Protein backbone atom coordinates (compact mmCIF):
# COMPACT_ATOMS: atom_id res chain seq x y z
CA UNK A 1 -21.81 5.09 -2.48
CA UNK A 2 -19.78 8.22 -2.07
CA UNK A 3 -18.55 10.80 -4.79
CA UNK A 4 -15.30 13.16 -4.11
CA UNK A 5 -16.08 16.40 -6.39
CA UNK A 6 -13.04 18.73 -6.54
CA UNK A 7 -12.81 22.22 -8.25
CA UNK A 8 -9.94 22.21 -9.82
CA UNK A 9 -6.82 25.02 -10.49
CA UNK A 10 -6.05 25.65 -6.68
CA UNK A 11 -2.23 25.80 -5.51
CA UNK A 12 -1.74 23.80 -2.46
CA UNK A 13 0.22 25.33 0.33
CA UNK A 14 1.23 24.22 3.75
CA UNK A 15 2.08 20.94 5.66
CA UNK A 16 0.46 17.55 5.98
CA UNK A 17 1.34 14.61 8.03
CA UNK A 18 1.38 11.16 7.13
CA UNK A 19 -0.46 8.74 8.32
CA UNK A 20 0.80 4.86 9.52
CA UNK A 21 1.82 2.29 6.24
CA UNK A 22 -0.95 0.58 5.34
CA UNK A 23 0.77 -2.36 3.67
CA UNK A 24 2.83 -2.56 7.16
CA UNK A 25 -0.33 -2.73 9.26
CA UNK A 26 -1.86 -5.79 6.95
CA UNK A 27 1.12 -7.27 7.82
CA UNK A 28 1.67 -6.42 11.94
CA UNK A 29 -1.58 -6.82 12.82
CA UNK A 30 -1.41 -10.99 11.76
CA UNK A 31 2.30 -10.93 12.96
CA UNK A 32 0.30 -10.18 16.49
CA UNK A 33 -1.95 -13.79 16.16
CA UNK A 34 1.69 -15.42 16.60
CA UNK A 35 1.53 -14.17 19.88
CA UNK A 36 -0.12 -15.34 23.31
CA UNK A 37 0.17 -12.03 25.30
CA UNK A 38 -1.36 -8.86 24.53
CA UNK A 39 0.24 -6.43 21.72
CA UNK A 40 -0.28 -2.70 21.09
CA UNK A 41 0.16 -1.49 17.83
CA UNK A 42 0.61 2.61 17.49
CA UNK A 43 0.40 4.97 14.54
CA UNK A 44 -2.21 2.47 12.42
CA UNK A 45 -3.95 3.97 9.63
CA UNK A 46 -7.81 4.55 10.11
CA UNK A 47 -8.55 2.93 6.30
CA UNK A 48 -10.86 0.68 5.15
CA UNK A 49 -8.61 -2.23 4.56
CA UNK A 50 -7.64 -2.61 8.08
CA UNK A 51 -11.12 -2.29 9.34
CA UNK A 52 -11.88 -5.49 6.99
CA UNK A 53 -8.98 -7.05 8.49
CA UNK A 54 -9.67 -6.43 12.32
CA UNK A 55 -13.45 -7.08 11.41
CA UNK A 56 -12.00 -10.75 10.37
CA UNK A 57 -9.79 -10.97 12.98
CA UNK A 58 -12.66 -10.28 15.41
CA UNK A 59 -14.15 -13.56 13.49
CA UNK A 60 -11.53 -16.02 14.28
CA UNK A 61 -11.45 -14.37 18.14
CA UNK A 62 -9.14 -12.17 18.97
CA UNK A 63 -10.21 -9.13 21.40
CA UNK A 64 -9.49 -5.59 19.60
CA UNK A 65 -9.76 -2.75 21.35
CA UNK A 66 -9.09 1.09 20.00
CA UNK A 67 -7.37 2.77 22.59
CA UNK A 68 -7.51 5.70 20.57
CA UNK A 69 -8.28 6.56 16.65
CA UNK A 70 -4.36 5.37 15.76
CA UNK A 71 -3.85 2.42 18.59
CA UNK A 72 -5.05 -0.80 19.05
CA UNK A 73 -4.69 -3.11 21.60
CA UNK A 74 -4.82 -7.24 20.35
CA UNK A 75 -5.44 -10.18 22.16
CA UNK A 76 -4.99 -13.21 20.47
CA UNK A 77 -4.60 -15.37 23.17
CA UNK A 78 -8.07 -17.29 22.86
CA UNK A 79 -8.58 -18.10 19.13
CA UNK A 80 -11.22 -20.06 18.90
CA UNK A 81 -10.91 -21.25 15.23
CA UNK A 82 -8.31 -21.59 12.44
CA UNK A 83 -10.97 -21.12 9.73
CA UNK A 84 -10.83 -17.59 7.62
CA UNK A 85 -14.02 -16.98 5.73
CA UNK A 86 -15.26 -13.53 6.77
CA UNK A 87 -17.73 -12.20 4.28
CA UNK A 88 -15.31 -9.56 2.95
CA UNK A 89 -11.72 -10.78 3.65
CA UNK A 90 -11.14 -11.83 -0.18
CA UNK A 91 -11.61 -7.93 -0.42
CA UNK A 92 -8.13 -7.09 0.52
CA UNK A 93 -4.68 -9.13 -0.89
CA UNK A 94 -2.98 -9.05 2.65
CA UNK A 95 -5.70 -11.64 3.60
CA UNK A 96 -3.14 -14.41 3.27
CA UNK A 97 -0.78 -12.95 6.03
CA UNK A 98 -3.83 -14.69 8.13
CA UNK A 99 -2.27 -17.92 6.92
CA UNK A 100 1.34 -17.69 7.68
CA UNK A 101 0.45 -16.58 10.77
CA UNK A 102 -2.20 -19.27 12.10
CA UNK A 103 -0.07 -21.69 10.63
CA UNK A 104 3.44 -20.40 12.81
CA UNK A 105 1.50 -20.65 15.81
CA UNK A 106 -0.83 -23.12 15.32
CA UNK A 107 0.37 -25.43 12.51
CA UNK A 108 -3.05 -24.98 10.48
CA UNK A 109 -4.79 -22.63 8.92
CA UNK A 110 -7.62 -22.40 6.24
CA UNK A 111 -8.06 -18.83 4.65
CA UNK A 112 -10.12 -17.73 1.82
CA UNK A 113 -7.99 -16.59 -1.33
CA UNK A 114 -7.24 -12.83 -1.35
CA UNK A 115 -8.61 -10.48 -3.65
CA UNK A 116 -7.93 -6.73 -4.25
CA UNK A 117 -7.10 -4.16 -6.64
CA UNK A 118 -7.36 -5.61 -10.13
CA UNK A 119 -4.25 -4.80 -11.52
CA UNK A 120 -2.51 -8.36 -12.46
CA UNK A 121 -2.85 -11.63 -11.74
CA UNK A 122 -1.63 -12.51 -8.01
CA UNK A 123 -0.04 -16.16 -7.86
CA UNK A 124 0.64 -17.72 -4.35
CA UNK A 125 2.76 -20.01 -5.95
CA UNK A 126 5.79 -18.72 -4.01
CA UNK A 127 3.75 -18.69 -0.52
CA UNK A 128 3.27 -22.57 -1.16
CA UNK A 129 6.60 -23.31 -1.87
CA UNK A 130 7.76 -21.49 1.34
CA UNK A 131 5.23 -23.25 3.76
CA UNK A 132 5.50 -26.67 2.12
CA UNK A 133 9.76 -26.13 2.39
CA UNK A 134 8.87 -25.77 5.92
CA UNK A 135 6.74 -29.03 6.47
CA UNK A 136 3.20 -28.29 5.54
CA UNK A 137 0.80 -29.71 3.40
CA UNK A 138 -0.91 -27.32 1.20
CA UNK A 139 -4.06 -27.35 -0.85
CA UNK A 140 -6.32 -24.94 -2.67
CA UNK A 141 -10.41 -25.69 -3.06
CA UNK A 142 -13.20 -24.55 -3.16
CA UNK A 143 -11.63 -20.68 -2.91
CA UNK A 144 -10.08 -21.61 0.30
CA UNK A 145 -6.31 -22.40 1.10
CA UNK A 146 -5.94 -24.81 3.38
CA UNK A 147 -2.14 -25.38 5.03
CA UNK A 148 -1.61 -28.14 7.96
CA UNK A 149 1.72 -29.74 9.66
CA UNK A 150 2.76 -31.83 12.36
CA UNK A 151 5.93 -29.55 12.98
CA UNK A 152 7.60 -26.82 10.96
CA UNK A 153 11.27 -27.12 10.28
CA UNK A 154 13.54 -24.27 8.96
CA UNK A 155 14.68 -24.74 5.86
CA UNK A 156 16.46 -22.71 3.25
CA UNK A 157 14.10 -21.27 0.79
CA UNK A 158 14.89 -19.53 -2.71
CA UNK A 159 12.11 -17.41 -4.01
CA UNK A 160 12.07 -17.53 -7.74
CA UNK A 161 10.38 -14.07 -8.16
CA UNK A 162 11.16 -11.43 -5.50
CA UNK A 163 7.50 -11.03 -4.05
CA UNK A 164 6.87 -8.98 -0.85
CA UNK A 165 4.00 -10.91 0.08
CA UNK A 166 5.71 -14.50 0.17
CA UNK A 167 8.71 -12.59 1.73
CA UNK A 168 6.06 -11.66 4.56
CA UNK A 169 4.45 -15.44 4.80
CA UNK A 170 7.44 -17.13 5.23
CA UNK A 171 8.81 -15.26 8.06
CA UNK A 172 5.81 -15.32 9.92
CA UNK A 173 5.35 -18.92 9.47
CA UNK A 174 8.98 -19.28 10.38
CA UNK A 175 9.18 -17.36 13.36
CA UNK A 176 7.86 -20.33 15.54
CA UNK A 177 9.31 -23.02 13.09
CA UNK A 178 12.25 -25.35 14.79
CA UNK A 179 15.84 -24.70 13.27
CA UNK A 180 17.15 -22.16 11.00
CA UNK A 181 14.81 -20.75 7.94
CA UNK A 182 16.52 -18.97 5.49
CA UNK A 183 14.79 -16.74 2.48
CA UNK A 184 17.13 -15.89 -0.53
CA UNK A 185 15.92 -13.48 -3.36
CA UNK A 186 13.82 -12.24 -0.41
CA UNK A 187 12.20 -8.70 -1.01
CA UNK A 188 13.19 -5.35 0.37
CA UNK A 189 10.40 -3.02 0.81
CA UNK A 190 10.89 -0.73 4.29
CA UNK A 191 7.52 -2.52 5.42
CA UNK A 192 9.29 -5.91 5.36
CA UNK A 193 12.12 -4.50 7.66
CA UNK A 194 9.06 -2.75 9.89
CA UNK A 195 7.16 -6.61 10.06
CA UNK A 196 10.61 -8.01 11.41
CA UNK A 197 11.58 -5.48 13.69
CA UNK A 198 7.84 -6.31 15.51
CA UNK A 199 8.12 -9.77 15.20
CA UNK A 200 12.02 -9.32 16.61
CA UNK A 201 10.04 -6.71 19.69
CA UNK A 202 8.20 -9.91 20.27
CA UNK A 203 11.40 -12.09 21.13
CA UNK A 204 11.56 -12.97 17.22
CA UNK A 205 14.97 -14.23 16.34
CA UNK A 206 15.37 -12.39 12.37
CA UNK A 207 18.75 -10.79 11.09
CA UNK A 208 18.73 -9.49 7.56
CA UNK A 209 15.35 -7.90 6.76
CA UNK A 210 16.02 -5.52 4.14
CA UNK A 211 18.58 -7.43 2.37
CA UNK A 212 18.22 -10.17 -0.34
CA UNK A 213 18.67 -12.67 2.25
CA UNK A 214 16.71 -13.01 5.45
CA UNK A 215 17.75 -15.55 8.36
CA UNK A 216 15.40 -16.45 10.87
CA UNK A 217 16.34 -18.66 13.96
CA UNK A 218 13.06 -20.07 15.29
CA UNK A 219 12.34 -19.53 18.94
CA UNK A 220 9.75 -21.50 21.44
CA UNK A 221 7.44 -18.18 21.97
CA UNK A 222 6.57 -14.78 21.49
CA UNK A 223 5.68 -12.32 24.09
CA UNK A 224 3.80 -8.98 24.87
CA UNK A 225 5.09 -5.84 22.83
CA UNK A 226 4.04 -2.24 21.82
CA UNK A 227 5.57 -1.23 18.87
CA UNK A 228 5.21 1.97 16.59
CA UNK A 229 4.90 1.35 12.85
CA UNK A 230 6.76 3.19 10.22
CA UNK A 231 4.76 6.24 8.38
CA UNK A 232 3.26 5.21 4.54
CA UNK A 233 5.83 5.74 2.04
CA UNK A 234 3.11 5.77 -1.09
CA UNK A 235 0.77 8.46 0.62
CA UNK A 236 3.39 10.78 1.46
CA UNK A 237 4.84 10.45 -2.15
CA UNK A 238 0.90 10.80 -3.26
CA UNK A 239 1.19 14.23 -1.37
CA UNK A 240 4.62 14.88 -2.74
CA UNK A 241 2.87 14.78 -6.25
CA UNK A 242 0.06 16.70 -5.15
CA UNK A 243 2.16 19.77 -4.74
CA UNK A 244 4.23 19.30 -7.81
CA UNK A 245 0.72 18.90 -10.08
CA UNK A 246 -0.13 22.14 -8.57
CA UNK A 247 2.72 24.19 -9.11
CA UNK A 248 1.98 24.53 -4.85
CA UNK A 249 4.69 24.61 -1.62
CA UNK A 250 3.55 21.77 0.60
CA UNK A 251 5.70 19.88 3.23
CA UNK A 252 5.06 16.38 3.75
CA UNK A 253 5.94 15.71 7.77
CA UNK A 254 6.24 12.06 9.60
CA UNK A 255 7.82 10.48 6.93
CA UNK A 256 11.32 8.66 6.64
CA UNK A 257 13.18 10.63 3.85
CA UNK A 258 15.34 7.29 2.85
CA UNK A 259 11.99 5.71 1.85
CA UNK A 260 11.28 8.61 -0.45
CA UNK A 261 14.82 8.65 -2.56
CA UNK A 262 13.21 7.06 -5.88
CA UNK A 263 10.40 9.27 -5.58
CA UNK A 264 12.14 12.11 -4.58
CA UNK A 265 14.81 11.49 -7.64
CA UNK A 266 12.46 11.39 -10.68
CA UNK A 267 10.60 14.49 -9.49
CA UNK A 268 14.13 16.33 -9.18
CA UNK A 269 14.99 14.94 -12.60
CA UNK A 270 11.77 16.58 -13.87
CA UNK A 271 12.92 20.25 -12.29
CA UNK A 272 10.39 20.01 -8.85
CA UNK A 273 12.36 21.40 -5.69
CA UNK A 274 12.79 19.10 -3.03
CA UNK A 275 14.33 20.15 0.11
CA UNK A 276 14.73 17.44 2.67
CA UNK A 277 13.92 18.26 6.24
CA UNK A 278 14.84 15.74 9.81
CA UNK A 279 11.27 14.00 9.05
CA UNK A 280 9.68 15.61 6.44
CA UNK A 281 9.91 17.19 2.91
CA UNK A 282 9.42 20.30 1.37
CA UNK A 283 8.13 20.11 -2.23
CA UNK A 284 7.94 23.34 -4.72
CA UNK A 285 8.04 24.72 -7.68
CA UNK A 286 11.75 25.41 -8.46
CA UNK A 287 11.02 25.79 -12.58
CA UNK A 288 8.06 27.31 -14.75
CA UNK A 289 8.34 24.36 -17.17
CA UNK A 290 9.20 20.63 -15.84
CA UNK A 291 10.93 18.34 -17.77
CA UNK A 292 9.65 15.25 -19.43
CA UNK A 293 11.15 12.19 -17.87
CA UNK A 294 11.76 8.38 -18.41
CA UNK A 295 10.43 5.98 -15.50
CA UNK A 296 10.20 2.31 -14.76
CA UNK A 297 8.53 0.75 -11.72
CA UNK A 298 10.90 -1.95 -9.78
CA UNK A 299 11.16 -3.81 -6.70
CA UNK A 300 12.65 -1.67 -3.75
CA UNK A 301 14.41 0.12 -3.51
CA UNK A 302 13.40 0.84 -7.08
CA UNK A 303 10.48 3.47 -8.06
CA UNK A 304 7.76 1.92 -6.32
CA UNK A 305 4.85 0.37 -8.67
CA UNK A 306 2.10 2.05 -5.83
CA UNK A 307 3.50 5.28 -7.28
CA UNK A 308 3.37 4.69 -10.97
CA UNK A 309 -0.88 6.43 -11.70
CA UNK A 310 0.30 9.14 -9.35
CA UNK A 311 3.45 10.41 -11.17
CA UNK A 312 1.67 9.75 -15.05
CA UNK A 313 -0.93 12.20 -13.92
CA UNK A 314 1.58 14.87 -13.07
CA UNK A 315 3.63 13.91 -16.26
CA UNK A 316 0.39 14.25 -18.51
CA UNK A 317 0.81 17.82 -18.01
CA UNK A 318 4.66 18.55 -19.15
CA UNK A 319 5.33 19.11 -22.10
CA UNK A 320 7.53 16.59 -24.78
CA UNK A 321 6.64 12.73 -24.63
CA UNK A 322 7.44 10.75 -21.05
CA UNK A 323 7.66 7.21 -20.95
CA UNK A 324 6.18 4.75 -17.98
CA UNK A 325 6.93 1.12 -18.08
CA UNK A 326 5.43 -1.08 -15.63
CA UNK A 327 8.21 -3.77 -14.36
CA UNK A 328 5.85 -5.42 -11.40
CA UNK A 329 1.98 -5.89 -12.77
CA UNK A 330 0.80 -6.36 -15.94
CA UNK A 331 -2.74 -4.95 -15.59
CA UNK A 332 -1.62 -1.65 -14.21
CA UNK A 333 -3.01 1.05 -17.11
CA UNK A 334 -6.58 0.56 -16.61
CA UNK A 335 -7.01 4.33 -15.31
CA UNK A 336 -5.38 6.09 -18.61
CA UNK A 337 -8.73 5.50 -20.12
CA UNK A 338 -10.00 7.82 -17.26
CA UNK A 339 -7.35 10.36 -17.49
CA UNK A 340 -7.79 10.66 -21.18
CA UNK A 341 -11.50 11.69 -20.75
CA UNK A 342 -10.18 14.49 -18.79
CA UNK A 343 -7.72 15.50 -21.98
CA UNK A 344 -4.68 13.53 -21.03
CA UNK A 345 -3.49 11.94 -23.88
CA UNK A 346 -1.98 8.64 -22.86
CA UNK A 347 -1.24 5.52 -25.54
CA UNK A 348 -0.59 2.12 -23.82
CA UNK A 349 1.69 -0.02 -25.63
CA UNK A 350 2.52 -3.79 -24.18
CA UNK A 351 3.76 -2.62 -20.63
CA UNK A 352 4.48 1.12 -21.60
CA UNK A 353 2.46 4.55 -21.16
CA UNK A 354 3.62 6.82 -23.92
CA UNK A 355 2.19 9.93 -22.28
CA UNK A 356 2.16 13.45 -24.33
CA UNK A 357 1.78 16.49 -22.31
CA UNK A 358 -1.35 18.92 -22.41
CA UNK A 359 -1.71 22.12 -21.75
CA UNK A 360 -4.30 21.55 -19.80
CA UNK A 361 -6.51 18.93 -18.06
CA UNK A 362 -10.00 19.84 -18.13
CA UNK A 363 -12.68 18.06 -15.56
CA UNK A 364 -15.13 15.44 -16.29
CA UNK A 365 -16.85 12.49 -14.60
CA UNK A 366 -14.25 9.69 -13.81
CA UNK A 367 -14.29 6.26 -12.07
CA UNK A 368 -11.50 4.88 -9.78
CA UNK A 369 -10.29 1.47 -11.23
CA UNK A 370 -8.29 0.78 -8.10
CA UNK A 371 -6.70 2.41 -5.35
CA UNK A 372 -3.73 4.26 -6.51
CA UNK A 373 -5.73 4.78 -9.88
CA UNK A 374 -8.15 6.75 -7.56
CA UNK A 375 -5.28 8.51 -6.29
CA UNK A 376 -4.33 9.64 -9.54
CA UNK A 377 -7.86 11.13 -10.72
CA UNK A 378 -7.87 12.80 -7.37
CA UNK A 379 -4.82 14.54 -8.47
CA UNK A 380 -5.52 15.22 -11.61
CA UNK A 381 -8.95 16.69 -10.63
CA UNK A 382 -6.54 19.04 -8.41
CA UNK A 383 -5.03 20.56 -11.22
CA UNK A 384 -7.79 20.34 -13.79
CA UNK A 385 -9.77 23.06 -15.45
CA UNK A 386 -13.21 23.07 -14.12
CA UNK A 387 -14.96 20.21 -11.47
CA UNK A 388 -14.28 16.72 -11.55
CA UNK A 389 -16.72 14.06 -10.41
CA UNK A 390 -14.47 10.80 -9.09
CA UNK A 391 -16.70 7.46 -8.52
CA UNK A 392 -15.86 4.45 -6.16
CA UNK A 393 -14.30 6.73 -3.72
CA UNK A 394 -14.57 3.29 -1.59
CA UNK A 395 -11.08 2.40 -3.63
CA UNK A 396 -9.53 5.18 -2.01
CA UNK A 397 -10.93 4.70 0.59
CA UNK A 398 -8.78 1.33 1.17
CA UNK A 399 -5.41 3.23 1.42
CA UNK A 400 -5.81 7.32 2.00
CA UNK A 401 -6.78 8.49 5.42
CA UNK A 402 -9.29 11.58 5.30
CA UNK A 403 -7.81 12.13 1.92
CA UNK A 404 -10.09 15.03 1.31
CA UNK A 405 -10.06 16.71 4.70
CA UNK A 406 -5.94 16.64 4.08
CA UNK A 407 -6.38 18.08 0.76
CA UNK A 408 -8.32 20.67 1.78
CA UNK A 409 -6.41 21.78 4.66
CA UNK A 410 -3.65 22.89 1.91
CA UNK A 411 -6.12 24.73 0.13
CA UNK A 412 -7.52 22.31 -2.55
CA UNK A 413 -11.63 22.54 -3.20
CA UNK A 414 -12.48 18.93 -2.40
CA UNK A 415 -15.70 17.48 -1.06
CA UNK A 416 -17.30 14.13 -0.42
CA UNK A 417 -20.98 14.16 -1.16
CA UNK A 418 -23.52 11.12 -1.72
CA UNK A 419 -23.50 9.91 -5.49
CA UNK A 420 -27.03 11.01 -5.54
CA UNK A 421 -26.12 14.90 -4.33
CA UNK A 422 -23.35 14.91 -7.38
CA UNK A 423 -25.70 16.34 -9.94
CA UNK A 424 -26.72 19.53 -8.08
CA UNK A 425 -22.83 20.25 -7.84
CA UNK A 426 -21.59 19.28 -10.95
CA UNK A 427 -21.78 22.57 -13.15
CA UNK A 428 -18.84 22.62 -15.93
CA UNK A 429 -18.19 26.09 -15.94
């Protein structure tokens, strides 16, 4: 096990480049299973969730070659099984995309139920509803999802709730189905558009991604493609907040400014300086004292739930009372106890966190409870007085590539150490 040790109080300055979108990669890589030819995917982030996914696909018989650190070659021509029970696959939520891809190509799939961060229940009822509408028989037995069909036929599917996972999974299964499939009340996140673009580059016929109605005309087969994924919206937002919480001046590059609009708007509302560039955003200290605000997370294009903990960390340092309302997950405030250990004043009532700003956060030993919670603790540690130890770095590594190296390049005092060495380094000052 490893820990991050942060000596806070350093003002960040410089330029940081964003890696490829984790959530897009977790769907695009399984989408390559729909193709019997070789696909090359670029801008793949080096994060643990991707490693687990690739290892699971190798268990299926997929040949995967790393052409460089961020480019992989996928050959799914000789898949030997439809059963995905790789030892670690249930640790990632996106394991269910293997279900849609295998069902779409082979009309049969058996995949372990998804896991992931403990931020709320993750029902798969909308996924099952979509598969059944396409003609599949689906059952859940002994922790496995079984799906089988003689043939898949297009259908109109209305999602009862906006679901990113169900939207993508139905899209995967419908790509090679007969006829036309329409997904209504579809999710609109940028990585859904990215998945549709990748499928279309292989010869799929998908229209309307990014809107609430997606239309998929089934095709007979897909062909090889070379595709570069979009940058990670959430990683970009995290580094934007890192600049704001330290009163820094950081330019975040390799991002799509439009994807950042909800995050940029809230930072501007607080009084943070935001300058949009062609493929980047400069975040700098504009006003001496930032303003408290109210944030509510919503499906895209609303404020992203995956940025909720990071913005909360920033709000702990703003004088006055701010409100953070969670509109997507029901269990996403576990990390607030850890921020309170650092001197924050957060009270949670139902789906709302009431944040009373404090003058100074102080270093402490804290524990990541999930991926984005871990990022929030890193941000708090950057701004805190003294040293902070963060446990369960494995959560952070699920979605952030070389986070300590990128922050250190901006001037942060942050190191990664084995757990047993932290006592030597941790001295409260």
